[in-house]
Amino acid sequence: MGLGWQFVTEMLAGAFVGWIVGRWLGDETLGALIGTGCGLAVATYTLIRGALKLNSALDRLEKSNGTNPPPPLMQEKWKNSDKDNA
């Protein structure tokens, strides 16, 4: 799943859980707002972690100058580029 879809689903999950808790406590709107805020925080944290992981993988690929196999995240692209060069 891409980082964008993960961001959206975490936001929606936070809003839904907040709505359920708010309904249980008697104020659906406030619960949904608080849940959306929590979902936004979690989604932003996850997005930043994923972007940093991808950046690190690209840095390792650049340092290897293409002579060593790249990390698993980039292996499929690396295999396909070998087929194109052959």
PDB file of N, CA and C in Angstrom:
ATOM      1  N   MET A   1       0.855  -1.168   0.000  1.00  0.00           N
ATOM      2  CA  MET A   1       0.000   0.000   0.000  1.00  0.00           C
ATOM      3  C   MET A   1       0.903   1.234   0.000  1.00  0.00           C
ATOM      4  N   GLY A   2       0.544   2.219  -0.791  1.00  0.00           N
ATOM      5  CA  GLY A   2       1.333   3.434  -0.878  1.00  0.00           C
ATOM      6  C   GLY A   2       1.170   4.308   0.359  1.00  0.00           C
ATOM      7  N   LEU A   3       2.108   5.214   0.507  1.00  0.00           N
ATOM      8  CA  LEU A   3       2.076   6.101   1.673  1.00  0.00           C
ATOM      9  C   LEU A   3       0.839   6.987   1.674  1.00  0.00           C
ATOM     10  N   GLY A   4       0.382   7.400   0.502  1.00  0.00           N
ATOM     11  CA  GLY A   4      -0.810   8.250   0.426  1.00  0.00           C
ATOM     12  C   GLY A   4      -2.057   7.540   0.907  1.00  0.00           C
ATOM     13  N   TRP A   5      -2.251   6.310   0.438  1.00  0.00           N
ATOM     14  CA  TRP A   5      -3.419   5.540   0.873  1.00  0.00           C
ATOM     15  C   TRP A   5      -3.344   5.238   2.362  1.00  0.00           C
ATOM     16  N   GLN A   6      -2.153   4.946   2.840  1.00  0.00           N
ATOM     17  CA  GLN A   6      -1.999   4.670   4.260  1.00  0.00           C
ATOM     18  C   GLN A   6      -2.348   5.903   5.086  1.00  0.00           C
ATOM     19  N   PHE A   7      -1.936   7.075   4.622  1.00  0.00           N
ATOM     20  CA  PHE A   7      -2.259   8.325   5.302  1.00  0.00           C
ATOM     21  C   PHE A   7      -3.770   8.503   5.393  1.00  0.00           C
ATOM     22  N   VAL A   8      -4.455   8.308   4.271  1.00  0.00           N
ATOM     23  CA  VAL A   8      -5.912   8.495   4.230  1.00  0.00           C
ATOM     24  C   VAL A   8      -6.623   7.487   5.128  1.00  0.00           C
ATOM     25  N   THR A   9      -6.231   6.233   5.057  1.00  0.00           N
ATOM     26  CA  THR A   9      -6.919   5.213   5.860  1.00  0.00           C
ATOM     27  C   THR A   9      -6.693   5.425   7.357  1.00  0.00           C
ATOM     28  N   GLU A  10      -5.508   5.884   7.744  1.00  0.00           N
ATOM     29  CA  GLU A  10      -5.277   6.147   9.160  1.00  0.00           C
ATOM     30  C   GLU A  10      -6.109   7.330   9.648  1.00  0.00           C
ATOM     31  N   MET A  11      -6.265   8.338   8.792  1.00  0.00           N
ATOM     32  CA  MET A  11      -7.127   9.477   9.150  1.00  0.00           C
ATOM     33  C   MET A  11      -8.573   9.013   9.324  1.00  0.00           C
ATOM     34  N   LEU A  12      -9.067   8.227   8.363  1.00  0.00           N
ATOM     35  CA  LEU A  12     -10.448   7.747   8.439  1.00  0.00           C
ATOM     36  C   LEU A  12     -10.663   6.819   9.629  1.00  0.00           C
ATOM     37  N   ALA A  13      -9.673   5.984   9.916  1.00  0.00           N
ATOM     38  CA  ALA A  13      -9.789   5.089  11.063  1.00  0.00           C
ATOM     39  C   ALA A  13      -9.858   5.888  12.364  1.00  0.00           C
ATOM     40  N   GLY A  14      -9.039   6.928  12.470  1.00  0.00           N
ATOM     41  CA  GLY A  14      -9.079   7.778  13.662  1.00  0.00           C
ATOM     42  C   GLY A  14     -10.433   8.451  13.814  1.00  0.00           C
ATOM     43  N   ALA A  15     -10.966   8.973  12.706  1.00  0.00           N
ATOM     44  CA  ALA A  15     -12.277   9.631  12.759  1.00  0.00           C
ATOM     45  C   ALA A  15     -13.369   8.636  13.150  1.00  0.00           C
ATOM     46  N   PHE A  16     -13.303   7.426  12.599  1.00  0.00           N
ATOM     47  CA  PHE A  16     -14.319   6.415  12.898  1.00  0.00           C
ATOM     48  C   PHE A  16     -14.262   5.987  14.366  1.00  0.00           C
ATOM     49  N   VAL A  17     -13.063   5.713  14.843  1.00  0.00           N
ATOM     50  CA  VAL A  17     -12.925   5.305  16.250  1.00  0.00           C
ATOM     51  C   VAL A  17     -13.377   6.445  17.169  1.00  0.00           C
ATOM     52  N   GLY A  18     -13.006   7.667  16.817  1.00  0.00           N
ATOM     53  CA  GLY A  18     -13.458   8.812  17.616  1.00  0.00           C
ATOM     54  C   GLY A  18     -14.965   8.963  17.611  1.00  0.00           C
ATOM     55  N   TRP A  19     -15.583   8.725  16.449  1.00  0.00           N
ATOM     56  CA  TRP A  19     -17.033   8.804  16.348  1.00  0.00           C
ATOM     57  C   TRP A  19     -17.702   7.732  17.220  1.00  0.00           C
ATOM     58  N   ILE A  20     -17.148   6.512  17.179  1.00  0.00           N
ATOM     59  CA  ILE A  20     -17.703   5.407  17.993  1.00  0.00           C
ATOM     60  C   ILE A  20     -17.581   5.748  19.480  1.00  0.00           C
ATOM     61  N   VAL A  21     -16.409   6.216  19.903  1.00  0.00           N
ATOM     62  CA  VAL A  21     -16.211   6.561  21.315  1.00  0.00           C
ATOM     63  C   VAL A  21     -17.115   7.734  21.690  1.00  0.00           C
ATOM     64  N   GLY A  22     -17.217   8.724  20.808  1.00  0.00           N
ATOM     65  CA  GLY A  22     -18.089   9.865  21.070  1.00  0.00           C
ATOM     66  C   GLY A  22     -19.543   9.451  21.168  1.00  0.00           C
ATOM     67  N   ARG A  23     -19.953   8.518  20.348  1.00  0.00           N
ATOM     68  CA  ARG A  23     -21.335   8.024  20.408  1.00  0.00           C
ATOM     69  C   ARG A  23     -21.596   7.321  21.739  1.00  0.00           C
ATOM     70  N   TRP A  24     -20.594   6.574  22.182  1.00  0.00           N
ATOM     71  CA  TRP A  24     -20.713   5.854  23.446  1.00  0.00           C
ATOM     72  C   TRP A  24     -20.791   6.844  24.614  1.00  0.00           C
ATOM     73  N   LEU A  25     -20.025   7.947  24.501  1.00  0.00           N
ATOM     74  CA  LEU A  25     -20.018   8.945  25.580  1.00  0.00           C
ATOM     75  C   LEU A  25     -21.119   9.986  25.432  1.00  0.00           C
ATOM     76  N   GLY A  26     -21.784  10.044  24.266  1.00  0.00           N
ATOM     77  CA  GLY A  26     -22.904  10.944  24.101  1.00  0.00           C
ATOM     78  C   GLY A  26     -22.643  12.186  23.262  1.00  0.00           C
ATOM     79  N   ASP A  27     -21.473  12.351  22.693  1.00  0.00           N
ATOM     80  CA  ASP A  27     -21.196  13.513  21.847  1.00  0.00           C
ATOM     81  C   ASP A  27     -20.395  13.053  20.626  1.00  0.00           C
ATOM     82  N   GLU A  28     -21.124  12.652  19.582  1.00  0.00           N
ATOM     83  CA  GLU A  28     -20.498  12.086  18.385  1.00  0.00           C
ATOM     84  C   GLU A  28     -19.577  13.071  17.685  1.00  0.00           C
ATOM     85  N   THR A  29     -19.999  14.345  17.604  1.00  0.00           N
ATOM     86  CA  THR A  29     -19.228  15.347  16.876  1.00  0.00           C
ATOM     87  C   THR A  29     -17.869  15.588  17.526  1.00  0.00           C
ATOM     88  N   LEU A  30     -17.865  15.786  18.814  1.00  0.00           N
ATOM     89  CA  LEU A  30     -16.610  16.024  19.520  1.00  0.00           C
ATOM     90  C   LEU A  30     -15.703  14.801  19.440  1.00  0.00           C
ATOM     91  N   GLY A  31     -16.274  13.635  19.571  1.00  0.00           N
ATOM     92  CA  GLY A  31     -15.482  12.402  19.460  1.00  0.00           C
ATOM     93  C   GLY A  31     -14.859  12.258  18.082  1.00  0.00           C
ATOM     94  N   ALA A  32     -15.638  12.571  17.039  1.00  0.00           N
ATOM     95  CA  ALA A  32     -15.103  12.472  15.682  1.00  0.00           C
ATOM     96  C   ALA A  32     -13.986  13.488  15.462  1.00  0.00           C
ATOM     97  N   LEU A  33     -14.140  14.698  16.001  1.00  0.00           N
ATOM     98  CA  LEU A  33     -13.090  15.712  15.860  1.00  0.00           C
ATOM     99  C   LEU A  33     -11.809  15.300  16.583  1.00  0.00           C
ATOM    100  N   ILE A  34     -11.947  14.802  17.781  1.00  0.00           N
ATOM    101  CA  ILE A  34     -10.769  14.362  18.538  1.00  0.00           C
ATOM    102  C   ILE A  34     -10.135  13.149  17.852  1.00  0.00           C
ATOM    103  N   GLY A  35     -10.952  12.223  17.372  1.00  0.00           N
ATOM    104  CA  GLY A  35     -10.432  11.055  16.663  1.00  0.00           C
ATOM    105  C   GLY A  35      -9.721  11.434  15.376  1.00  0.00           C
ATOM    106  N   THR A  36     -10.263  12.421  14.660  1.00  0.00           N
ATOM    107  CA  THR A  36      -9.619  12.878  13.431  1.00  0.00           C
ATOM    108  C   THR A  36      -8.271  13.522  13.747  1.00  0.00           C
ATOM    109  N   GLY A  37      -8.204  14.278  14.817  1.00  0.00           N
ATOM    110  CA  GLY A  37      -6.931  14.875  15.235  1.00  0.00           C
ATOM    111  C   GLY A  37      -5.899  13.819  15.583  1.00  0.00           C
ATOM    112  N   CYS A  38      -6.318  12.805  16.308  1.00  0.00           N
ATOM    113  CA  CYS A  38      -5.403  11.710  16.642  1.00  0.00           C
ATOM    114  C   CYS A  38      -4.996  10.944  15.385  1.00  0.00           C
ATOM    115  N   GLY A  39      -5.950  10.712  14.484  1.00  0.00           N
ATOM    116  CA  GLY A  39      -5.638  10.044  13.214  1.00  0.00           C
ATOM    117  C   GLY A  39      -4.653  10.845  12.389  1.00  0.00           C
ATOM    118  N   LEU A  40      -4.801  12.167  12.382  1.00  0.00           N
ATOM    119  CA  LEU A  40      -3.875  13.032  11.652  1.00  0.00           C
ATOM    120  C   LEU A  40      -2.471  12.933  12.235  1.00  0.00           C
ATOM    121  N   ALA A  41      -2.370  12.907  13.553  1.00  0.00           N
ATOM    122  CA  ALA A  41      -1.057  12.797  14.192  1.00  0.00           C
ATOM    123  C   ALA A  41      -0.383  11.469  13.848  1.00  0.00           C
ATOM    124  N   VAL A  42      -1.130  10.380  13.945  1.00  0.00           N
ATOM    125  CA  VAL A  42      -0.573   9.061  13.632  1.00  0.00           C
ATOM    126  C   VAL A  42      -0.209   8.974  12.155  1.00  0.00           C
ATOM    127  N   ALA A  43      -1.075   9.479  11.279  1.00  0.00           N
ATOM    128  CA  ALA A  43      -0.823   9.421   9.844  1.00  0.00           C
ATOM    129  C   ALA A  43       0.404  10.241   9.466  1.00  0.00           C
ATOM    130  N   THR A  44       0.570  11.407  10.068  1.00  0.00           N
ATOM    131  CA  THR A  44       1.741  12.242   9.781  1.00  0.00           C
ATOM    132  C   THR A  44       3.014  11.556  10.249  1.00  0.00           C
ATOM    133  N   TYR A  45       2.972  10.973  11.429  1.00  0.00           N
ATOM    134  CA  TYR A  45       4.139  10.236  11.947  1.00  0.00           C
ATOM    135  C   TYR A  45       4.510   9.086  11.018  1.00  0.00           C
ATOM    136  N   THR A  46       3.526   8.322  10.572  1.00  0.00           N
ATOM    137  CA  THR A  46       3.776   7.193   9.682  1.00  0.00           C
ATOM    138  C   THR A  46       4.307   7.661   8.332  1.00  0.00           C
ATOM    139  N   LEU A  47       3.767   8.749   7.812  1.00  0.00           N
ATOM    140  CA  LEU A  47       4.215   9.288   6.537  1.00  0.00           C
ATOM    141  C   LEU A  47       5.677   9.720   6.612  1.00  0.00           C
ATOM    142  N   ILE A  48       6.058  10.387   7.682  1.00  0.00           N
ATOM    143  CA  ILE A  48       7.443  10.832   7.837  1.00  0.00           C
ATOM    144  C   ILE A  48       8.378   9.635   7.967  1.00  0.00           C
ATOM    145  N   ARG A  49       7.986   8.632   8.753  1.00  0.00           N
ATOM    146  CA  ARG A  49       8.816   7.425   8.888  1.00  0.00           C
ATOM    147  C   ARG A  49       8.999   6.722   7.556  1.00  0.00           C
ATOM    148  N   GLY A  50       7.929   6.594   6.779  1.00  0.00           N
ATOM    149  CA  GLY A  50       8.024   5.940   5.474  1.00  0.00           C
ATOM    150  C   GLY A  50       8.895   6.718   4.509  1.00  0.00           C
ATOM    151  N   ALA A  51       8.773   8.040   4.521  1.00  0.00           N
ATOM    152  CA  ALA A  51       9.591   8.867   3.634  1.00  0.00           C
ATOM    153  C   ALA A  51      11.064   8.781   4.013  1.00  0.00           C
ATOM    154  N   LEU A  52      11.371   8.780   5.300  1.00  0.00           N
ATOM    155  CA  LEU A  52      12.764   8.657   5.732  1.00  0.00           C
ATOM    156  C   LEU A  52      13.341   7.292   5.363  1.00  0.00           C
ATOM    157  N   LYS A  53      12.530   6.242   5.478  1.00  0.00           N
ATOM    158  CA  LYS A  53      12.989   4.901   5.112  1.00  0.00           C
ATOM    159  C   LYS A  53      13.281   4.823   3.613  1.00  0.00           C
ATOM    160  N   LEU A  54      12.414   5.389   2.806  1.00  0.00           N
ATOM    161  CA  LEU A  54      12.622   5.401   1.364  1.00  0.00           C
ATOM    162  C   LEU A  54      13.855   6.226   1.001  1.00  0.00           C
ATOM    163  N   ASN A  55      14.043   7.368   1.644  1.00  0.00           N
ATOM    164  CA  ASN A  55      15.213   8.200   1.393  1.00  0.00           C
ATOM    165  C   ASN A  55      16.494   7.465   1.755  1.00  0.00           C
ATOM    166  N   SER A  56      16.479   6.745   2.855  1.00  0.00           N
ATOM    167  CA  SER A  56      17.650   5.977   3.270  1.00  0.00           C
ATOM    168  C   SER A  56      17.971   4.886   2.249  1.00  0.00           C
ATOM    169  N   ALA A  57      16.943   4.218   1.744  1.00  0.00           N
ATOM    170  CA  ALA A  57      17.162   3.179   0.735  1.00  0.00           C
ATOM    171  C   ALA A  57      17.739   3.771  -0.543  1.00  0.00           C
ATOM    172  N   LEU A  58      17.260   4.924  -0.938  1.00  0.00           N
ATOM    173  CA  LEU A  58      17.788   5.570  -2.136  1.00  0.00           C
ATOM    174  C   LEU A  58      19.223   6.035  -1.929  1.00  0.00           C
ATOM    175  N   ASP A  59      19.564   6.491  -0.737  1.00  0.00           N
ATOM    176  CA  ASP A  59      20.946   6.873  -0.441  1.00  0.00           C
ATOM    177  C   ASP A  59      21.880   5.678  -0.527  1.00  0.00           C
ATOM    178  N   ARG A  60      21.455   4.543   0.022  1.00  0.00           N
ATOM    179  CA  ARG A  60      22.277   3.323  -0.064  1.00  0.00           C
ATOM    180  C   ARG A  60      22.461   2.892  -1.510  1.00  0.00           C
ATOM    181  N   LEU A  61      21.420   3.022  -2.314  1.00  0.00           N
ATOM    182  CA  LEU A  61      21.523   2.663  -3.728  1.00  0.00           C
ATOM    183  C   LEU A  61      22.498   3.582  -4.448  1.00  0.00           C
ATOM    184  N   GLU A  62      22.450   4.859  -4.141  1.00  0.00           N
ATOM    185  CA  GLU A  62      23.351   5.821  -4.774  1.00  0.00           C
ATOM    186  C   GLU A  62      24.802   5.558  -4.374  1.00  0.00           C
ATOM    187  N   LYS A  63      25.040   5.229  -3.110  1.00  0.00           N
ATOM    188  CA  LYS A  63      26.401   4.967  -2.645  1.00  0.00           C
ATOM    189  C   LYS A  63      26.970   3.689  -3.244  1.00  0.00           C
ATOM    190  N   SER A  64      26.129   2.730  -3.565  1.00  0.00           N
ATOM    191  CA  SER A  64      26.623   1.465  -4.112  1.00  0.00           C
ATOM    192  C   SER A  64      27.011   1.593  -5.578  1.00  0.00           C
ATOM    193  N   ASN A  65      26.652   2.692  -6.224  1.00  0.00           N
ATOM    194  CA  ASN A  65      26.952   2.938  -7.646  1.00  0.00           C
ATOM    195  C   ASN A  65      26.445   1.825  -8.551  1.00  0.00           C
ATOM    196  N   GLY A  66      25.460   1.105  -8.078  1.00  0.00           N
ATOM    197  CA  GLY A  66      24.852   0.061  -8.902  1.00  0.00           C
ATOM    198  C   GLY A  66      25.648  -1.227  -8.958  1.00  0.00           C
ATOM    199  N   THR A  67      26.776  -1.343  -8.230  1.00  0.00           N
ATOM    200  CA  THR A  67      27.580  -2.558  -8.287  1.00  0.00           C
ATOM    201  C   THR A  67      27.097  -3.611  -7.301  1.00  0.00           C
ATOM    202  N   ASN A  68      26.545  -3.200  -6.200  1.00  0.00           N
ATOM    203  CA  ASN A  68      26.016  -4.130  -5.211  1.00  0.00           C
ATOM    204  C   ASN A  68      24.504  -4.151  -5.302  1.00  0.00           C
ATOM    205  N   PRO A  69      23.881  -5.258  -4.926  1.00  0.00           N
ATOM    206  CA  PRO A  69      22.417  -5.269  -4.928  1.00  0.00           C
ATOM    207  C   PRO A  69      21.876  -4.228  -3.961  1.00  0.00           C
ATOM    208  N   PRO A  70      20.841  -3.531  -4.343  1.00  0.00           N
ATOM    209  CA  PRO A  70      20.242  -2.525  -3.458  1.00  0.00           C
ATOM    210  C   PRO A  70      19.453  -3.193  -2.340  1.00  0.00           C
ATOM    211  N   PRO A  71      18.991  -2.414  -1.380  1.00  0.00           N
ATOM    212  CA  PRO A  71      18.181  -2.983  -0.307  1.00  0.00           C
ATOM    213  C   PRO A  71      16.886  -3.574  -0.857  1.00  0.00           C
ATOM    214  N   PRO A  72      16.213  -4.433  -0.095  1.00  0.00           N
ATOM    215  CA  PRO A  72      15.029  -5.130  -0.594  1.00  0.00           C
ATOM    216  C   PRO A  72      13.946  -4.210  -1.142  1.00  0.00           C
ATOM    217  N   LEU A  73      13.830  -3.023  -0.622  1.00  0.00           N
ATOM    218  CA  LEU A  73      12.797  -2.102  -1.074  1.00  0.00           C
ATOM    219  C   LEU A  73      12.963  -1.769  -2.550  1.00  0.00           C
ATOM    220  N   MET A  74      14.187  -1.704  -3.031  1.00  0.00           N
ATOM    221  CA  MET A  74      14.464  -1.294  -4.399  1.00  0.00           C
ATOM    222  C   MET A  74      14.845  -2.463  -5.304  1.00  0.00           C
ATOM    223  N   GLN A  75      14.814  -3.702  -4.811  1.00  0.00           N
ATOM    224  CA  GLN A  75      15.300  -4.839  -5.586  1.00  0.00           C
ATOM    225  C   GLN A  75      14.527  -5.055  -6.868  1.00  0.00           C
ATOM    226  N   GLU A  76      13.230  -4.904  -6.861  1.00  0.00           N
ATOM    227  CA  GLU A  76      12.439  -5.152  -8.057  1.00  0.00           C
ATOM    228  C   GLU A  76      12.826  -4.177  -9.166  1.00  0.00           C
ATOM    229  N   LYS A  77      12.985  -2.919  -8.817  1.00  0.00           N
ATOM    230  CA  LYS A  77      13.390  -1.917  -9.808  1.00  0.00           C
ATOM    231  C   LYS A  77      14.789  -2.238 -10.322  1.00  0.00           C
ATOM    232  N   TRP A  78      15.680  -2.674  -9.441  1.00  0.00           N
ATOM    233  CA  TRP A  78      17.049  -2.990  -9.821  1.00  0.00           C
ATOM    234  C   TRP A  78      17.071  -4.167 -10.790  1.00  0.00           C
ATOM    235  N   LYS A  79      16.267  -5.197 -10.527  1.00  0.00           N
ATOM    236  CA  LYS A  79      16.192  -6.350 -11.424  1.00  0.00           C
ATOM    237  C   LYS A  79      15.678  -5.941 -12.794  1.00  0.00           C
ATOM    238  N   ASN A  80      14.653  -5.111 -12.818  1.00  0.00           N
ATOM    239  CA  ASN A  80      14.090  -4.664 -14.094  1.00  0.00           C
ATOM    240  C   ASN A  80      15.078  -3.826 -14.879  1.00  0.00           C
ATOM    241  N   SER A  81      15.897  -3.013 -14.203  1.00  0.00           N
ATOM    242  CA  SER A  81      16.855  -2.183 -14.930  1.00  0.00           C
ATOM    243  C   SER A  81      17.952  -3.040 -15.539  1.00  0.00           C
ATOM    244  N   ASP A  82      18.284  -4.182 -14.914  1.00  0.00           N
ATOM    245  CA  ASP A  82      19.272  -5.095 -15.506  1.00  0.00           C
ATOM    246  C   ASP A  82      18.757  -5.685 -16.803  1.00  0.00           C
ATOM    247  N   LYS A  83      17.479  -6.009 -16.861  1.00  0.00           N
ATOM    248  CA  LYS A  83      16.890  -6.566 -18.077  1.00  0.00           C
ATOM    249  C   LYS A  83      16.895  -5.544 -19.203  1.00  0.00           C
ATOM    250  N   ASP A  84      16.684  -4.273 -18.841  1.00  0.00           N
ATOM    251  CA  ASP A  84      16.671  -3.223 -19.855  1.00  0.00           C
ATOM    252  C   ASP A  84      18.050  -3.000 -20.435  1.00  0.00           C
ATOM    253  N   ASN A  85      19.103  -3.168 -19.608  1.00  0.00           N
ATOM    254  CA  ASN A  85      20.473  -2.921 -20.069  1.00  0.00           C
ATOM    255  C   ASN A  85      21.043  -4.075 -20.868  1.00  0.00           C
ATOM    256  N   ALA A  86      20.456  -5.264 -20.735  1.00  0.00           N
ATOM    257  CA  ALA A  86      21.004  -6.442 -21.407  1.00  0.00           C
ATOM    258  C   ALA A  86      20.618  -6.487 -22.878  1.00  0.00           C
TER     259      ALA A  86
END
